[in-house]
């Protein structure tokens, strides 16, 4: 019954956060990232690519130009993602007693990625820092090659710039626009 009330009784903000999450998850699930970009098509690889996209969206929603409504929405999108992680782990058969620990570990990993990616994006004149962060986190030390790293770093910068240009009203109604996925060939 609680699930039905959450679905049908969802507040507008929750629905907006859900729409933003669905959009960023759709972007992160594009096959090109896995087939040509070398991101491992595993549970960890999918989490890492989803985390990368969540980072970019939260960075915009809680950055300098963000309104109070956007900052609140950022927290809600984060909550939606980790609620989804919780549900997915349960559907995969992870025991109830260990789900909380796994989600906590995932959220800690996410915060580590946030710090690494932010440092990389702040070093605007040196993609080596961002590429090193991608190699450690997105590729878990097994990057397919310098071309994929460079294209992914450029993609991150392009998405961050595009999100920075989007108006607040778009986010507040659940509209999210990403750049096209990079061509890795």
N, C-alpha and C. Protein backbone atom coordinates (compact mmCIF):
# COMPACT_ATOMS: atom_id res chain seq x y z
N UNK A 1 0.82 -1.19 0.00
CA UNK A 1 0.00 0.00 0.00
C UNK A 1 0.86 1.26 0.00
N UNK A 2 1.97 1.21 0.74
CA UNK A 2 2.86 2.37 0.79
C UNK A 2 3.42 2.69 -0.59
N UNK A 3 3.74 1.65 -1.37
CA UNK A 3 4.27 1.87 -2.71
C UNK A 3 3.24 2.59 -3.56
N UNK A 4 1.99 2.17 -3.50
CA UNK A 4 0.95 2.82 -4.29
C UNK A 4 0.77 4.27 -3.88
N UNK A 5 0.83 4.54 -2.59
CA UNK A 5 0.66 5.93 -2.16
C UNK A 5 1.84 6.78 -2.61
N UNK A 6 3.03 6.19 -2.68
CA UNK A 6 4.19 6.95 -3.16
C UNK A 6 4.06 7.22 -4.66
N UNK A 7 3.51 6.27 -5.39
CA UNK A 7 3.37 6.46 -6.84
C UNK A 7 2.25 7.44 -7.14
N UNK A 8 1.09 7.21 -6.56
CA UNK A 8 -0.07 8.03 -6.89
C UNK A 8 -0.14 9.32 -6.08
N UNK A 9 0.51 9.33 -4.92
CA UNK A 9 0.46 10.50 -4.07
C UNK A 9 1.73 11.32 -4.15
N UNK A 10 2.51 11.13 -5.18
CA UNK A 10 3.79 11.80 -5.32
C UNK A 10 3.61 13.31 -5.45
N UNK A 11 4.39 14.05 -4.71
CA UNK A 11 4.36 15.50 -4.83
C UNK A 11 4.99 15.91 -6.15
N UNK A 12 4.67 17.14 -6.59
CA UNK A 12 5.19 17.64 -7.85
C UNK A 12 6.71 17.61 -7.87
N UNK A 13 7.36 18.04 -6.78
CA UNK A 13 8.82 18.05 -6.73
C UNK A 13 9.39 16.65 -6.89
N UNK A 14 8.77 15.67 -6.24
CA UNK A 14 9.23 14.30 -6.37
C UNK A 14 9.10 13.82 -7.81
N UNK A 15 8.00 14.18 -8.45
CA UNK A 15 7.80 13.79 -9.85
C UNK A 15 8.84 14.45 -10.75
N UNK A 16 9.15 15.70 -10.47
CA UNK A 16 10.17 16.40 -11.26
C UNK A 16 11.53 15.75 -11.07
N UNK A 17 11.88 15.44 -9.84
CA UNK A 17 13.16 14.77 -9.56
C UNK A 17 13.21 13.43 -10.28
N UNK A 18 12.10 12.72 -10.27
CA UNK A 18 12.03 11.43 -10.96
C UNK A 18 12.24 11.61 -12.47
N UNK A 19 11.61 12.62 -13.05
CA UNK A 19 11.79 12.88 -14.49
C UNK A 19 13.24 13.19 -14.82
N UNK A 20 13.88 14.00 -13.99
CA UNK A 20 15.29 14.32 -14.22
C UNK A 20 16.15 13.07 -14.10
N UNK A 21 15.85 12.24 -13.12
CA UNK A 21 16.61 11.00 -12.94
C UNK A 21 16.42 10.07 -14.14
N UNK A 22 15.21 9.95 -14.61
CA UNK A 22 14.95 9.09 -15.78
C UNK A 22 15.73 9.60 -16.99
N UNK A 23 15.79 10.92 -17.16
CA UNK A 23 16.53 11.49 -18.28
C UNK A 23 18.03 11.22 -18.15
N UNK A 24 18.58 11.40 -16.97
CA UNK A 24 20.02 11.18 -16.82
C UNK A 24 20.36 9.70 -16.89
N UNK A 25 19.47 8.85 -16.38
CA UNK A 25 19.70 7.41 -16.48
C UNK A 25 19.63 6.96 -17.95
N UNK A 26 18.70 7.52 -18.70
CA UNK A 26 18.61 7.20 -20.13
C UNK A 26 19.88 7.58 -20.86
N UNK A 27 20.42 8.73 -20.52
CA UNK A 27 21.68 9.16 -21.15
C UNK A 27 22.81 8.19 -20.79
N UNK A 28 22.86 7.81 -19.52
CA UNK A 28 23.93 6.92 -19.05
C UNK A 28 23.81 5.51 -19.60
N UNK A 29 22.66 5.14 -20.06
CA UNK A 29 22.46 3.77 -20.56
C UNK A 29 22.65 3.65 -22.07
N UNK A 30 23.08 4.70 -22.71
CA UNK A 30 23.29 4.62 -24.15
C UNK A 30 24.38 3.59 -24.44
N UNK A 31 24.11 2.65 -25.33
CA UNK A 31 25.07 1.57 -25.61
C UNK A 31 26.44 2.04 -26.08
N UNK A 32 26.54 3.19 -26.71
CA UNK A 32 27.82 3.65 -27.24
C UNK A 32 28.86 3.79 -26.13
N UNK A 33 28.45 4.18 -24.94
CA UNK A 33 29.41 4.31 -23.84
C UNK A 33 30.07 2.97 -23.51
N UNK A 34 29.31 1.90 -23.66
CA UNK A 34 29.80 0.58 -23.30
C UNK A 34 30.49 -0.10 -24.48
N UNK A 35 29.86 -0.04 -25.63
CA UNK A 35 30.42 -0.72 -26.82
C UNK A 35 31.68 -0.06 -27.34
N UNK A 36 31.62 1.24 -27.52
CA UNK A 36 32.74 1.95 -28.13
C UNK A 36 33.57 2.73 -27.11
N UNK A 37 32.95 3.15 -26.03
CA UNK A 37 33.64 3.95 -25.04
C UNK A 37 34.42 3.14 -24.03
N UNK A 38 34.19 1.84 -24.00
CA UNK A 38 34.96 0.97 -23.13
C UNK A 38 34.53 0.93 -21.68
N UNK A 39 33.40 1.56 -21.35
CA UNK A 39 32.90 1.45 -19.98
C UNK A 39 32.43 0.01 -19.79
N UNK A 40 32.87 -0.66 -18.75
CA UNK A 40 32.45 -2.05 -18.55
C UNK A 40 30.92 -2.16 -18.44
N UNK A 41 30.34 -3.05 -19.20
CA UNK A 41 28.89 -3.27 -19.16
C UNK A 41 28.59 -4.25 -18.03
N UNK A 42 28.82 -3.77 -16.82
CA UNK A 42 28.62 -4.55 -15.60
C UNK A 42 27.81 -3.69 -14.63
N UNK A 43 27.43 -4.27 -13.54
CA UNK A 43 26.72 -3.50 -12.51
C UNK A 43 27.57 -2.31 -12.06
N UNK A 44 28.86 -2.55 -11.83
CA UNK A 44 29.74 -1.47 -11.40
C UNK A 44 29.91 -0.42 -12.49
N UNK A 45 30.10 -0.86 -13.73
CA UNK A 45 30.27 0.08 -14.84
C UNK A 45 29.04 0.94 -15.05
N UNK A 46 27.88 0.34 -14.94
CA UNK A 46 26.64 1.10 -15.09
C UNK A 46 26.46 2.09 -13.95
N UNK A 47 26.79 1.66 -12.74
CA UNK A 47 26.73 2.58 -11.59
C UNK A 47 27.69 3.75 -11.80
N UNK A 48 28.89 3.46 -12.26
CA UNK A 48 29.88 4.52 -12.45
C UNK A 48 29.45 5.53 -13.51
N UNK A 49 28.86 5.06 -14.60
CA UNK A 49 28.42 5.98 -15.64
C UNK A 49 27.18 6.76 -15.19
N UNK A 50 26.32 6.11 -14.46
CA UNK A 50 25.17 6.80 -13.88
C UNK A 50 25.64 7.86 -12.88
N UNK A 51 26.64 7.53 -12.08
CA UNK A 51 27.19 8.48 -11.11
C UNK A 51 27.81 9.68 -11.81
N UNK A 52 28.49 9.46 -12.92
CA UNK A 52 29.08 10.55 -13.68
C UNK A 52 28.00 11.53 -14.13
N UNK A 53 26.91 11.00 -14.68
CA UNK A 53 25.82 11.86 -15.15
C UNK A 53 25.09 12.54 -13.98
N UNK A 54 24.91 11.81 -12.89
CA UNK A 54 24.29 12.42 -11.72
C UNK A 54 25.16 13.56 -11.20
N UNK A 55 26.46 13.34 -11.15
CA UNK A 55 27.37 14.39 -10.71
C UNK A 55 27.18 15.65 -11.55
N UNK A 56 27.14 15.50 -12.87
CA UNK A 56 27.02 16.67 -13.75
C UNK A 56 25.71 17.42 -13.50
N UNK A 57 24.63 16.69 -13.31
CA UNK A 57 23.34 17.33 -13.06
C UNK A 57 23.32 18.00 -11.69
N UNK A 58 23.80 17.30 -10.67
CA UNK A 58 23.81 17.89 -9.33
C UNK A 58 24.75 19.08 -9.25
N UNK A 59 25.83 19.02 -10.00
CA UNK A 59 26.77 20.15 -10.04
C UNK A 59 26.06 21.41 -10.51
N UNK A 60 25.23 21.26 -11.53
CA UNK A 60 24.48 22.41 -12.05
C UNK A 60 23.39 22.85 -11.08
N UNK A 61 22.67 21.88 -10.53
CA UNK A 61 21.55 22.21 -9.66
C UNK A 61 21.97 22.79 -8.31
N UNK A 62 23.21 22.58 -7.93
CA UNK A 62 23.64 23.11 -6.64
C UNK A 62 24.83 24.07 -6.78
N UNK A 63 25.10 24.51 -7.98
CA UNK A 63 26.22 25.41 -8.23
C UNK A 63 25.90 26.85 -7.90
N UNK A 64 26.82 27.72 -8.27
CA UNK A 64 26.71 29.15 -7.95
C UNK A 64 25.45 29.79 -8.50
N UNK A 65 25.03 29.39 -9.69
CA UNK A 65 23.87 30.03 -10.32
C UNK A 65 22.55 29.39 -9.91
N UNK A 66 22.59 28.39 -9.05
CA UNK A 66 21.39 27.65 -8.69
C UNK A 66 20.51 28.43 -7.70
N UNK A 67 19.22 28.30 -7.90
CA UNK A 67 18.24 28.87 -6.97
C UNK A 67 18.04 27.91 -5.80
N UNK A 68 17.34 28.37 -4.79
CA UNK A 68 17.03 27.51 -3.65
C UNK A 68 16.18 26.32 -4.09
N UNK A 69 15.28 26.54 -5.03
CA UNK A 69 14.44 25.45 -5.53
C UNK A 69 15.29 24.40 -6.24
N UNK A 70 16.29 24.85 -6.99
CA UNK A 70 17.17 23.90 -7.69
C UNK A 70 18.02 23.11 -6.70
N UNK A 71 18.48 23.76 -5.67
CA UNK A 71 19.29 23.07 -4.66
C UNK A 71 18.46 21.98 -3.97
N UNK A 72 17.23 22.29 -3.66
CA UNK A 72 16.33 21.28 -3.08
C UNK A 72 16.06 20.15 -4.06
N UNK A 73 15.90 20.51 -5.33
CA UNK A 73 15.68 19.50 -6.36
C UNK A 73 16.90 18.60 -6.51
N UNK A 74 18.09 19.15 -6.35
CA UNK A 74 19.32 18.35 -6.42
C UNK A 74 19.28 17.24 -5.37
N UNK A 75 18.89 17.58 -4.16
CA UNK A 75 18.81 16.56 -3.11
C UNK A 75 17.77 15.51 -3.46
N UNK A 76 16.66 15.94 -4.03
CA UNK A 76 15.61 14.99 -4.38
C UNK A 76 16.07 14.04 -5.49
N UNK A 77 16.81 14.55 -6.47
CA UNK A 77 17.33 13.69 -7.55
C UNK A 77 18.30 12.67 -6.96
N UNK A 78 19.16 13.13 -6.07
CA UNK A 78 20.08 12.21 -5.38
C UNK A 78 19.29 11.12 -4.67
N UNK A 79 18.26 11.52 -3.93
CA UNK A 79 17.44 10.56 -3.20
C UNK A 79 16.76 9.57 -4.15
N UNK A 80 16.29 10.05 -5.29
CA UNK A 80 15.64 9.16 -6.27
C UNK A 80 16.65 8.13 -6.77
N UNK A 81 17.86 8.58 -7.10
CA UNK A 81 18.85 7.64 -7.61
C UNK A 81 19.18 6.56 -6.59
N UNK A 82 19.43 6.97 -5.35
CA UNK A 82 19.81 5.96 -4.37
C UNK A 82 18.62 5.12 -3.91
N UNK A 83 17.42 5.64 -4.03
CA UNK A 83 16.24 4.81 -3.83
C UNK A 83 16.14 3.76 -4.93
N UNK A 84 16.49 4.16 -6.15
CA UNK A 84 16.50 3.22 -7.27
C UNK A 84 17.58 2.15 -7.07
N UNK A 85 18.73 2.56 -6.56
CA UNK A 85 19.80 1.59 -6.28
C UNK A 85 19.31 0.58 -5.25
N UNK A 86 18.64 1.06 -4.22
CA UNK A 86 18.10 0.18 -3.18
C UNK A 86 17.13 -0.83 -3.78
N UNK A 87 16.20 -0.33 -4.61
CA UNK A 87 15.22 -1.23 -5.24
C UNK A 87 15.90 -2.24 -6.15
N UNK A 88 16.86 -1.80 -6.93
CA UNK A 88 17.55 -2.71 -7.85
C UNK A 88 18.30 -3.79 -7.10
N UNK A 89 18.97 -3.43 -6.01
CA UNK A 89 19.68 -4.44 -5.23
C UNK A 89 18.70 -5.47 -4.67
N UNK A 90 17.57 -5.01 -4.20
CA UNK A 90 16.56 -5.93 -3.65
C UNK A 90 16.02 -6.86 -4.75
N UNK A 91 15.79 -6.29 -5.95
CA UNK A 91 15.31 -7.10 -7.07
C UNK A 91 16.34 -8.13 -7.50
N UNK A 92 17.62 -7.81 -7.30
CA UNK A 92 18.68 -8.75 -7.67
C UNK A 92 18.88 -9.81 -6.60
N UNK A 93 18.14 -9.70 -5.52
CA UNK A 93 18.20 -10.73 -4.49
C UNK A 93 19.16 -10.45 -3.35
N UNK A 94 19.68 -9.24 -3.27
CA UNK A 94 20.54 -8.90 -2.14
C UNK A 94 19.67 -8.89 -0.89
N UNK A 95 20.14 -9.50 0.16
CA UNK A 95 19.37 -9.60 1.39
C UNK A 95 19.08 -8.26 2.03
N UNK A 96 17.92 -8.19 2.66
CA UNK A 96 17.49 -6.95 3.31
C UNK A 96 18.52 -6.40 4.29
N UNK A 97 19.21 -7.28 4.98
CA UNK A 97 20.17 -6.83 5.99
C UNK A 97 21.42 -6.21 5.37
N UNK A 98 21.74 -6.54 4.15
CA UNK A 98 22.95 -6.01 3.53
C UNK A 98 22.68 -4.88 2.53
N UNK A 99 21.42 -4.68 2.15
CA UNK A 99 21.11 -3.62 1.18
C UNK A 99 21.56 -2.26 1.68
N UNK A 100 21.25 -1.94 2.92
CA UNK A 100 21.63 -0.64 3.48
C UNK A 100 23.13 -0.42 3.45
N UNK A 101 23.89 -1.46 3.77
CA UNK A 101 25.35 -1.35 3.73
C UNK A 101 25.84 -1.12 2.31
N UNK A 102 25.26 -1.84 1.36
CA UNK A 102 25.68 -1.68 -0.04
C UNK A 102 25.33 -0.29 -0.56
N UNK A 103 24.16 0.21 -0.23
CA UNK A 103 23.77 1.55 -0.68
C UNK A 103 24.67 2.59 -0.03
N UNK A 104 25.00 2.42 1.23
CA UNK A 104 25.90 3.35 1.90
C UNK A 104 27.28 3.34 1.22
N UNK A 105 27.77 2.16 0.89
CA UNK A 105 29.05 2.04 0.19
C UNK A 105 28.98 2.74 -1.17
N UNK A 106 27.86 2.57 -1.87
CA UNK A 106 27.68 3.21 -3.17
C UNK A 106 27.64 4.74 -3.02
N UNK A 107 26.97 5.23 -1.99
CA UNK A 107 26.90 6.68 -1.82
C UNK A 107 28.27 7.24 -1.46
N UNK A 108 29.04 6.52 -0.67
CA UNK A 108 30.40 6.97 -0.35
C UNK A 108 31.26 6.99 -1.61
N UNK A 109 31.10 5.97 -2.45
CA UNK A 109 31.84 5.93 -3.72
C UNK A 109 31.42 7.11 -4.59
N UNK A 110 30.14 7.41 -4.60
CA UNK A 110 29.67 8.56 -5.38
C UNK A 110 30.33 9.85 -4.91
N UNK A 111 30.38 10.07 -3.61
CA UNK A 111 30.98 11.30 -3.09
C UNK A 111 32.47 11.38 -3.44
N UNK A 112 33.15 10.25 -3.44
CA UNK A 112 34.54 10.24 -3.87
C UNK A 112 34.69 10.64 -5.33
N UNK A 113 33.78 10.16 -6.16
CA UNK A 113 33.79 10.53 -7.58
C UNK A 113 33.49 12.01 -7.77
N UNK A 114 32.55 12.52 -6.99
CA UNK A 114 32.21 13.95 -7.06
C UNK A 114 33.47 14.78 -6.84
N UNK A 115 34.21 14.45 -5.81
CA UNK A 115 35.43 15.21 -5.50
C UNK A 115 36.45 15.10 -6.64
N UNK A 116 36.65 13.90 -7.15
CA UNK A 116 37.63 13.70 -8.22
C UNK A 116 37.21 14.40 -9.51
N UNK A 117 35.93 14.27 -9.87
CA UNK A 117 35.46 14.89 -11.11
C UNK A 117 35.45 16.42 -11.01
N UNK A 118 35.07 16.92 -9.85
CA UNK A 118 35.06 18.37 -9.67
C UNK A 118 36.48 18.93 -9.78
N UNK A 119 37.43 18.27 -9.17
CA UNK A 119 38.83 18.69 -9.28
C UNK A 119 39.26 18.67 -10.74
N UNK A 120 38.89 17.63 -11.46
CA UNK A 120 39.24 17.54 -12.87
C UNK A 120 38.60 18.62 -13.72
N UNK A 121 37.33 18.93 -13.46
CA UNK A 121 36.66 19.98 -14.23
C UNK A 121 37.20 21.36 -13.87
N UNK A 122 37.60 21.55 -12.63
CA UNK A 122 38.15 22.84 -12.21
C UNK A 122 39.50 23.11 -12.88
N UNK A 123 40.23 22.05 -13.19
CA UNK A 123 41.53 22.20 -13.87
C UNK A 123 41.27 22.34 -15.36
N UNK A 124 40.66 23.45 -15.74
CA UNK A 124 40.18 23.63 -17.11
C UNK A 124 41.29 23.65 -18.14
N UNK A 125 42.51 23.95 -17.73
CA UNK A 125 43.59 24.01 -18.70
C UNK A 125 44.37 22.70 -18.79
N UNK A 126 43.92 21.68 -18.05
CA UNK A 126 44.67 20.43 -18.01
C UNK A 126 43.71 19.24 -17.95
N UNK A 127 43.45 18.63 -19.11
CA UNK A 127 42.56 17.47 -19.13
C UNK A 127 43.20 16.24 -18.50
N UNK A 128 44.50 16.26 -18.25
CA UNK A 128 45.15 15.10 -17.65
C UNK A 128 44.55 14.77 -16.28
N UNK A 129 44.18 15.78 -15.52
CA UNK A 129 43.60 15.55 -14.18
C UNK A 129 42.23 14.90 -14.31
N UNK A 130 41.40 15.41 -15.22
CA UNK A 130 40.08 14.83 -15.43
C UNK A 130 40.20 13.42 -16.01
N UNK A 131 41.11 13.24 -16.94
CA UNK A 131 41.29 11.91 -17.54
C UNK A 131 41.78 10.90 -16.49
N UNK A 132 42.63 11.33 -15.58
CA UNK A 132 43.09 10.43 -14.51
C UNK A 132 41.92 10.06 -13.60
N UNK A 133 41.06 11.03 -13.30
CA UNK A 133 39.87 10.75 -12.48
C UNK A 133 38.95 9.77 -13.19
N UNK A 134 38.77 9.95 -14.49
CA UNK A 134 37.94 9.02 -15.25
C UNK A 134 38.55 7.62 -15.27
N UNK A 135 39.85 7.56 -15.47
CA UNK A 135 40.50 6.24 -15.51
C UNK A 135 40.35 5.51 -14.18
N UNK A 136 40.52 6.23 -13.07
CA UNK A 136 40.39 5.61 -11.74
C UNK A 136 38.95 5.22 -11.42
N UNK A 137 38.00 6.07 -11.78
CA UNK A 137 36.63 5.90 -11.30
C UNK A 137 35.70 5.26 -12.32
N UNK A 138 35.63 5.82 -13.50
CA UNK A 138 34.72 5.28 -14.51
C UNK A 138 35.23 3.96 -15.06
N UNK A 139 36.53 3.89 -15.27
CA UNK A 139 37.11 2.68 -15.87
C UNK A 139 37.79 1.78 -14.84
N UNK A 140 37.81 2.22 -13.59
CA UNK A 140 38.37 1.44 -12.47
C UNK A 140 39.77 0.92 -12.77
N UNK A 141 40.58 1.82 -13.34
CA UNK A 141 41.97 1.50 -13.60
C UNK A 141 42.24 0.75 -14.88
N UNK A 142 41.21 0.46 -15.66
CA UNK A 142 41.38 -0.32 -16.88
C UNK A 142 40.78 0.41 -18.08
N UNK A 143 41.23 1.63 -18.29
CA UNK A 143 40.73 2.43 -19.42
C UNK A 143 41.13 1.75 -20.72
N UNK A 144 40.24 1.78 -21.71
CA UNK A 144 40.53 1.13 -22.98
C UNK A 144 41.63 1.82 -23.78
N UNK A 145 41.85 3.09 -23.54
CA UNK A 145 42.90 3.78 -24.26
C UNK A 145 42.77 5.28 -24.12
N UNK A 146 43.81 6.01 -24.55
CA UNK A 146 43.80 7.46 -24.41
C UNK A 146 42.70 8.14 -25.22
N UNK A 147 42.31 7.58 -26.35
CA UNK A 147 41.24 8.18 -27.15
C UNK A 147 39.93 8.19 -26.38
N UNK A 148 39.57 7.07 -25.77
CA UNK A 148 38.32 7.01 -25.00
C UNK A 148 38.37 7.97 -23.81
N UNK A 149 39.51 8.02 -23.14
CA UNK A 149 39.63 8.94 -22.00
C UNK A 149 39.48 10.39 -22.45
N UNK A 150 40.15 10.74 -23.53
CA UNK A 150 40.07 12.12 -24.03
C UNK A 150 38.66 12.46 -24.48
N UNK A 151 38.00 11.55 -25.18
CA UNK A 151 36.63 11.82 -25.64
C UNK A 151 35.67 11.92 -24.46
N UNK A 152 35.86 11.09 -23.46
CA UNK A 152 34.98 11.15 -22.29
C UNK A 152 35.21 12.44 -21.52
N UNK A 153 36.46 12.88 -21.40
CA UNK A 153 36.75 14.14 -20.72
C UNK A 153 36.11 15.31 -21.47
N UNK A 154 36.21 15.31 -22.77
CA UNK A 154 35.59 16.36 -23.58
C UNK A 154 34.07 16.32 -23.43
N UNK A 155 33.51 15.13 -23.44
CA UNK A 155 32.07 14.97 -23.25
C UNK A 155 31.64 15.56 -21.91
N UNK A 156 32.37 15.25 -20.84
CA UNK A 156 32.02 15.79 -19.52
C UNK A 156 32.04 17.32 -19.53
N UNK A 157 33.06 17.89 -20.12
CA UNK A 157 33.16 19.35 -20.18
C UNK A 157 32.01 19.94 -21.00
N UNK A 158 31.68 19.27 -22.11
CA UNK A 158 30.60 19.75 -22.97
C UNK A 158 29.25 19.68 -22.25
N UNK A 159 29.00 18.59 -21.56
CA UNK A 159 27.74 18.44 -20.82
C UNK A 159 27.67 19.48 -19.70
N UNK A 160 28.77 19.67 -18.97
CA UNK A 160 28.78 20.66 -17.89
C UNK A 160 28.47 22.05 -18.45
N UNK A 161 29.05 22.38 -19.59
CA UNK A 161 28.80 23.70 -20.21
C UNK A 161 27.34 23.82 -20.67
N UNK A 162 26.81 22.76 -21.26
CA UNK A 162 25.43 22.79 -21.73
C UNK A 162 24.46 22.91 -20.56
N UNK A 163 24.69 22.17 -19.50
CA UNK A 163 23.82 22.27 -18.32
C UNK A 163 23.90 23.65 -17.69
N UNK A 164 25.07 24.26 -17.70
CA UNK A 164 25.23 25.61 -17.14
C UNK A 164 24.41 26.63 -17.92
N UNK A 165 24.18 26.37 -19.19
CA UNK A 165 23.42 27.30 -20.04
C UNK A 165 21.91 27.11 -19.92
N UNK A 166 21.48 25.96 -19.41
CA UNK A 166 20.05 25.70 -19.32
C UNK A 166 19.43 26.58 -18.22
N UNK A 167 18.25 27.06 -18.51
CA UNK A 167 17.58 27.95 -17.56
C UNK A 167 16.95 27.15 -16.42
N UNK A 168 16.86 27.79 -15.29
CA UNK A 168 16.33 27.15 -14.09
C UNK A 168 14.95 26.56 -14.31
N UNK A 169 14.10 27.28 -15.02
CA UNK A 169 12.73 26.82 -15.23
C UNK A 169 12.68 25.45 -15.91
N UNK A 170 13.64 25.17 -16.78
CA UNK A 170 13.67 23.87 -17.44
C UNK A 170 13.85 22.75 -16.42
N UNK A 171 14.80 22.91 -15.52
CA UNK A 171 15.04 21.88 -14.51
C UNK A 171 13.82 21.71 -13.61
N UNK A 172 13.20 22.83 -13.26
CA UNK A 172 12.09 22.79 -12.31
C UNK A 172 10.83 22.15 -12.87
N UNK A 173 10.79 21.97 -14.19
CA UNK A 173 9.67 21.24 -14.80
C UNK A 173 10.11 19.88 -15.32
N UNK A 174 11.33 19.46 -14.96
CA UNK A 174 11.80 18.12 -15.32
C UNK A 174 12.44 18.01 -16.68
N UNK A 175 12.82 19.13 -17.26
CA UNK A 175 13.44 19.11 -18.59
C UNK A 175 14.96 19.12 -18.43
N UNK A 176 15.60 18.17 -19.09
CA UNK A 176 17.04 18.02 -18.99
C UNK A 176 17.58 17.69 -20.38
N UNK A 177 18.57 18.45 -20.82
CA UNK A 177 19.14 18.24 -22.14
C UNK A 177 20.62 17.92 -22.00
N UNK A 178 21.04 16.83 -22.64
CA UNK A 178 22.45 16.44 -22.66
C UNK A 178 22.99 16.59 -24.07
N UNK A 179 24.31 16.66 -24.16
CA UNK A 179 24.98 16.60 -25.46
C UNK A 179 24.83 15.17 -25.99
N UNK A 180 25.02 15.04 -27.28
CA UNK A 180 25.05 13.69 -27.86
C UNK A 180 26.23 12.92 -27.24
N UNK A 181 26.06 11.65 -27.12
CA UNK A 181 27.16 10.82 -26.64
C UNK A 181 28.33 10.96 -27.59
N UNK A 182 29.55 10.88 -27.09
CA UNK A 182 30.71 11.08 -27.95
C UNK A 182 30.87 9.95 -28.96
N UNK A 183 31.56 10.27 -30.03
CA UNK A 183 31.97 9.24 -30.99
C UNK A 183 33.35 8.81 -30.58
N UNK A 184 33.51 7.54 -30.28
CA UNK A 184 34.78 7.04 -29.77
C UNK A 184 35.69 6.47 -30.84
N UNK A 185 35.20 6.36 -32.05
CA UNK A 185 36.03 5.77 -33.12
C UNK A 185 36.89 6.82 -33.78
